[in-house]
Amino acid sequence: MQPEITNLRARREWQYIVERVGEARALAAIADLPGKRRPYPFNIAKVLGLPMPDEADLPLLPEERASRSEAAAKALAEMKKHLRTCG
């Protein structure tokens, strides 16, 4: 069984869980979900006894890191251009 990943936050939560306990243990926890709980990352974290951090503290996905790096590089290039024209 696989986790239900419904949005970007859920992807980040799943990544957080896997980084902390490993994918095999995280997937195994799905079988331990009580009742008819769906395998959302938040529910899986509860089974594992893993406190879920605030959204701002979840790790970025690789594509988010790349996007932020590109934006930072672009902003830096604009600042350098501005400094060259001012000086």
N, C-alpha and C. Protein backbone atom coordinates (compact mmCIF):
# COMPACT_ATOMS: atom_id res chain seq x y z
N MET A 1 0.84 -1.18 0.00
CA MET A 1 0.00 0.00 0.00
C MET A 1 0.89 1.25 0.00
N GLN A 2 0.40 2.29 -0.61
CA GLN A 2 1.14 3.54 -0.74
C GLN A 2 0.43 4.66 0.03
N PRO A 3 1.16 5.71 0.40
CA PRO A 3 0.52 6.84 1.06
C PRO A 3 -0.35 7.61 0.06
N GLU A 4 -1.37 8.26 0.58
CA GLU A 4 -2.20 9.13 -0.27
C GLU A 4 -1.58 10.52 -0.26
N ILE A 5 -1.08 10.90 -1.41
CA ILE A 5 -0.45 12.21 -1.56
C ILE A 5 -1.41 13.07 -2.37
N THR A 6 -2.06 14.02 -1.72
CA THR A 6 -3.11 14.80 -2.36
C THR A 6 -2.69 16.20 -2.78
N ASN A 7 -1.57 16.68 -2.25
CA ASN A 7 -1.14 18.04 -2.58
C ASN A 7 0.35 18.20 -2.26
N LEU A 8 0.86 19.39 -2.49
CA LEU A 8 2.28 19.67 -2.27
C LEU A 8 2.67 19.48 -0.81
N ARG A 9 1.82 19.94 0.09
CA ARG A 9 2.14 19.79 1.52
C ARG A 9 2.25 18.31 1.88
N ALA A 10 1.35 17.48 1.38
CA ALA A 10 1.40 16.05 1.66
C ALA A 10 2.68 15.43 1.12
N ARG A 11 3.13 15.90 -0.04
CA ARG A 11 4.41 15.40 -0.58
C ARG A 11 5.55 15.77 0.34
N ARG A 12 5.52 17.00 0.85
CA ARG A 12 6.57 17.44 1.76
C ARG A 12 6.51 16.68 3.07
N GLU A 13 5.29 16.40 3.58
CA GLU A 13 5.14 15.63 4.81
C GLU A 13 5.68 14.21 4.62
N TRP A 14 5.35 13.60 3.48
CA TRP A 14 5.84 12.24 3.21
C TRP A 14 7.37 12.24 3.16
N GLN A 15 7.95 13.23 2.49
CA GLN A 15 9.41 13.33 2.43
C GLN A 15 9.99 13.44 3.83
N TYR A 16 9.37 14.24 4.68
CA TYR A 16 9.83 14.42 6.06
C TYR A 16 9.82 13.08 6.79
N ILE A 17 8.73 12.35 6.66
CA ILE A 17 8.61 11.06 7.34
C ILE A 17 9.69 10.10 6.86
N VAL A 18 9.85 10.01 5.55
CA VAL A 18 10.84 9.08 4.98
C VAL A 18 12.25 9.46 5.41
N GLU A 19 12.55 10.75 5.48
CA GLU A 19 13.88 11.18 5.94
C GLU A 19 14.12 10.79 7.39
N ARG A 20 13.07 10.76 8.20
CA ARG A 20 13.24 10.46 9.62
C ARG A 20 13.30 8.96 9.92
N VAL A 21 12.44 8.16 9.27
CA VAL A 21 12.34 6.75 9.65
C VAL A 21 12.69 5.77 8.53
N GLY A 22 12.87 6.27 7.31
CA GLY A 22 13.14 5.40 6.17
C GLY A 22 11.85 4.99 5.48
N GLU A 23 11.96 4.75 4.19
CA GLU A 23 10.77 4.45 3.40
C GLU A 23 10.12 3.12 3.80
N ALA A 24 10.93 2.11 4.06
CA ALA A 24 10.37 0.79 4.41
C ALA A 24 9.54 0.87 5.68
N ARG A 25 10.05 1.53 6.69
CA ARG A 25 9.31 1.65 7.97
C ARG A 25 8.06 2.51 7.79
N ALA A 26 8.17 3.57 6.99
CA ALA A 26 7.02 4.44 6.76
C ALA A 26 5.91 3.69 6.02
N LEU A 27 6.29 2.91 5.02
CA LEU A 27 5.29 2.13 4.28
C LEU A 27 4.68 1.05 5.16
N ALA A 28 5.49 0.43 6.00
CA ALA A 28 4.99 -0.61 6.89
C ALA A 28 3.97 -0.04 7.87
N ALA A 29 4.12 1.21 8.26
CA ALA A 29 3.21 1.84 9.21
C ALA A 29 1.80 1.99 8.64
N ILE A 30 1.68 1.99 7.33
CA ILE A 30 0.36 2.12 6.72
C ILE A 30 -0.53 0.95 7.15
N ALA A 31 0.03 -0.23 7.25
CA ALA A 31 -0.75 -1.41 7.67
C ALA A 31 -1.23 -1.29 9.11
N ASP A 32 -0.58 -0.44 9.90
CA ASP A 32 -0.94 -0.28 11.31
C ASP A 32 -1.94 0.85 11.56
N LEU A 33 -2.43 1.48 10.48
CA LEU A 33 -3.40 2.56 10.67
C LEU A 33 -4.67 2.00 11.30
N PRO A 34 -5.16 2.65 12.35
CA PRO A 34 -6.36 2.13 13.03
C PRO A 34 -7.63 2.37 12.22
N GLY A 35 -8.57 1.46 12.35
CA GLY A 35 -9.88 1.62 11.71
C GLY A 35 -9.78 1.79 10.22
N LYS A 36 -10.56 2.73 9.73
CA LYS A 36 -10.58 2.99 8.28
C LYS A 36 -9.83 4.28 7.94
N ARG A 37 -8.84 4.58 8.74
CA ARG A 37 -8.04 5.79 8.46
C ARG A 37 -7.35 5.65 7.11
N ARG A 38 -7.34 6.74 6.40
CA ARG A 38 -6.70 6.74 5.08
C ARG A 38 -5.21 6.99 5.27
N PRO A 39 -4.41 6.48 4.34
CA PRO A 39 -2.95 6.60 4.50
C PRO A 39 -2.38 7.96 4.10
N TYR A 40 -2.93 9.00 4.70
CA TYR A 40 -2.36 10.33 4.51
C TYR A 40 -1.07 10.40 5.34
N PRO A 41 -0.09 11.16 4.88
CA PRO A 41 1.16 11.25 5.64
C PRO A 41 0.95 11.64 7.10
N PHE A 42 0.01 12.53 7.37
CA PHE A 42 -0.22 12.95 8.75
C PHE A 42 -0.64 11.76 9.62
N ASN A 43 -1.52 10.90 9.10
CA ASN A 43 -1.95 9.72 9.85
C ASN A 43 -0.82 8.72 10.03
N ILE A 44 0.02 8.59 9.03
CA ILE A 44 1.16 7.68 9.11
C ILE A 44 2.13 8.17 10.18
N ALA A 45 2.34 9.47 10.23
CA ALA A 45 3.23 10.05 11.25
C ALA A 45 2.69 9.76 12.65
N LYS A 46 1.39 9.82 12.82
CA LYS A 46 0.79 9.52 14.13
C LYS A 46 1.09 8.09 14.55
N VAL A 47 0.93 7.15 13.62
CA VAL A 47 1.21 5.74 13.91
C VAL A 47 2.66 5.56 14.34
N LEU A 48 3.55 6.30 13.70
CA LEU A 48 4.98 6.20 13.99
C LEU A 48 5.38 6.99 15.25
N GLY A 49 4.45 7.77 15.78
CA GLY A 49 4.78 8.60 16.94
C GLY A 49 5.69 9.75 16.57
N LEU A 50 5.62 10.17 15.33
CA LEU A 50 6.49 11.22 14.81
C LEU A 50 5.73 12.53 14.77
N PRO A 51 6.13 13.52 15.58
CA PRO A 51 5.43 14.80 15.53
C PRO A 51 5.69 15.49 14.18
N MET A 52 4.63 16.01 13.60
CA MET A 52 4.74 16.68 12.30
C MET A 52 5.03 18.16 12.55
N PRO A 53 6.08 18.70 11.94
CA PRO A 53 6.40 20.13 12.14
C PRO A 53 5.40 21.02 11.41
N ASP A 54 5.47 22.30 11.71
CA ASP A 54 4.67 23.28 10.96
C ASP A 54 5.07 23.20 9.49
N GLU A 55 4.17 23.63 8.63
CA GLU A 55 4.42 23.56 7.18
C GLU A 55 5.71 24.28 6.80
N ALA A 56 5.99 25.41 7.42
CA ALA A 56 7.19 26.18 7.09
C ALA A 56 8.47 25.42 7.42
N ASP A 57 8.38 24.46 8.33
CA ASP A 57 9.56 23.71 8.76
C ASP A 57 9.72 22.38 8.03
N LEU A 58 8.79 22.05 7.14
CA LEU A 58 8.92 20.83 6.36
C LEU A 58 10.02 21.01 5.32
N PRO A 59 10.73 19.94 4.96
CA PRO A 59 11.78 20.08 3.95
C PRO A 59 11.20 20.42 2.59
N LEU A 60 11.97 21.19 1.85
CA LEU A 60 11.56 21.53 0.49
C LEU A 60 11.77 20.32 -0.42
N LEU A 61 10.91 20.21 -1.42
CA LEU A 61 11.08 19.18 -2.44
C LEU A 61 12.19 19.62 -3.39
N PRO A 62 12.82 18.69 -4.08
CA PRO A 62 13.91 19.07 -4.99
C PRO A 62 13.52 20.16 -5.99
N GLU A 63 12.31 20.07 -6.55
CA GLU A 63 11.90 21.08 -7.53
C GLU A 63 11.68 22.45 -6.88
N GLU A 64 11.29 22.47 -5.60
CA GLU A 64 11.14 23.73 -4.90
C GLU A 64 12.50 24.37 -4.64
N ARG A 65 13.47 23.53 -4.26
CA ARG A 65 14.83 24.05 -4.04
C ARG A 65 15.40 24.63 -5.31
N ALA A 66 15.21 23.94 -6.43
CA ALA A 66 15.73 24.41 -7.71
C ALA A 66 15.08 25.73 -8.09
N SER A 67 13.77 25.82 -7.91
CA SER A 67 13.04 27.03 -8.25
C SER A 67 13.52 28.21 -7.41
N ARG A 68 13.72 27.98 -6.12
CA ARG A 68 14.19 29.06 -5.24
C ARG A 68 15.62 29.45 -5.57
N SER A 69 16.45 28.50 -5.95
CA SER A 69 17.82 28.81 -6.33
C SER A 69 17.85 29.66 -7.59
N GLU A 70 16.99 29.31 -8.55
CA GLU A 70 16.92 30.09 -9.79
C GLU A 70 16.46 31.52 -9.51
N ALA A 71 15.46 31.66 -8.65
CA ALA A 71 14.95 32.98 -8.31
C ALA A 71 16.02 33.80 -7.60
N ALA A 72 16.76 33.17 -6.71
CA ALA A 72 17.82 33.87 -5.99
C ALA A 72 18.93 34.30 -6.95
N ALA A 73 19.30 33.43 -7.87
CA ALA A 73 20.35 33.77 -8.84
C ALA A 73 19.91 34.94 -9.73
N LYS A 74 18.65 34.93 -10.11
CA LYS A 74 18.12 36.00 -10.95
C LYS A 74 18.13 37.33 -10.19
N ALA A 75 17.71 37.29 -8.91
CA ALA A 75 17.70 38.51 -8.10
C ALA A 75 19.12 39.03 -7.89
N LEU A 76 20.07 38.14 -7.68
CA LEU A 76 21.46 38.54 -7.49
C LEU A 76 22.00 39.19 -8.76
N ALA A 77 21.69 38.62 -9.91
CA ALA A 77 22.14 39.19 -11.19
C ALA A 77 21.56 40.59 -11.39
N GLU A 78 20.29 40.78 -11.01
CA GLU A 78 19.67 42.10 -11.13
C GLU A 78 20.35 43.11 -10.20
N MET A 79 20.69 42.68 -8.99
CA MET A 79 21.39 43.57 -8.05
C MET A 79 22.75 43.97 -8.59
N LYS A 80 23.48 43.00 -9.13
CA LYS A 80 24.81 43.30 -9.69
C LYS A 80 24.69 44.27 -10.85
N LYS A 81 23.70 44.06 -11.69
CA LYS A 81 23.47 44.95 -12.83
C LYS A 81 23.18 46.36 -12.35
N HIS A 82 22.35 46.45 -11.31
CA HIS A 82 22.01 47.74 -10.76
C HIS A 82 23.25 48.43 -10.16
N LEU A 83 24.09 47.68 -9.47
CA LEU A 83 25.30 48.24 -8.88
C LEU A 83 26.27 48.75 -9.94
N ARG A 84 26.37 48.01 -11.05
CA ARG A 84 27.26 48.43 -12.13
C ARG A 84 26.79 49.75 -12.75
N THR A 85 25.48 49.92 -12.86
CA THR A 85 24.97 51.15 -13.47
C THR A 85 25.01 52.35 -12.52
N CYS A 86 25.05 52.06 -11.22
CA CYS A 86 25.09 53.14 -10.22
C CYS A 86 26.52 53.60 -9.95
N GLY A 87 27.48 52.72 -10.14
CA GLY A 87 28.84 53.04 -9.73
C GLY A 87 29.67 53.45 -10.86
